[in-house]
């Protein structure tokens, strides 16, 4: 299905099927920025506002990156589960048209719910926000660990592989033969680990900061698997931010510590040191992937910065650390060279 326009008949028809807009209702569609994987619109109709999200079969990146549109239903399911487990941690799901691959959710006004990425960019680096991000993700993991019915609802290996493990770890392995065995082992180990409900895209761009705490968006990669992926994925962004706004490096690294500590305090489904070691092994692979995978981070553009990431990540892949603080310290030292 092609991207929506302000008069897209398929989108309007879906709104009708979901009971959100009558055939003659005046409907205003405003495109929203939504990353690379979906169309997102703010819909205003009948005196109410909400968002509609529809997954794209081919993601909006330079590489040929495709993924099943059924991931839209996985995201709707994650919103349902998160709303039950951690109130205020996700937008309210309003309706779903699974056949069309879209759903409607609560509209959260930007003035009341700023994006965490924007705050980090502008120097608003609140450690309590970082801590609460860690706590809330850990609560979802802890509440879903070992639950067979949740595992059955999120048996989405066929989605997680093409949208996460392949474009990040395996694509990066193809570009770096010297650390390819380590990267492939990370992908295989992550794929085998089935412990809890994983969001799959815990990134500052997908986190809003509301009066009641962080709100998580964009769970289309939701998967029952290794919860270490979520923590490593988010901590990775805080490391990379050190290159984006170098004047705030110390504060980004403090946020890294706060988020990790907030999360690790909630690990109850396995020994904390076992979990942390697995996360510390995975983090350098994701770090390298954000400069050499299929979805390079947009603000690490300078060749010298990309090389700095490689020079830090590769030794950590060859000789993995067991503590997250050791990974962040290696990066801090690399930045000072």
Foldseek 3Di string as FASTA:
>chain_A
DDADDQPRPVVVVVCVVQVNADPPWDKGWDWDDDAFFWTKTWIDTPNDIWMKIAGDQATRFPDGAGFDLLLLVVQVVVLVLLCVQPPPQAWAWDTDDSVRSMGITGDDDCVQWPQQVVCLLVVVQDLVLLLVLQQSLLSQFVVFFPPVVVQVVFAVLRGLCRPPLCQQQVQLLVVPVVLNVLSVVLSVVFSPFFTGKEQNAQESRQWIQHPVGIYGDDSSSIHGTQNLNNLLNHLLNLLVVCLQDVVCNVSSVSSSVSNVVSNLVSDDRDDSLVSQQSSQLCNLSNNLRLCRGRNNDPRQDDPVSNVLSVVQSVVCSVPPDRHPVVSSVSSVVSVVD
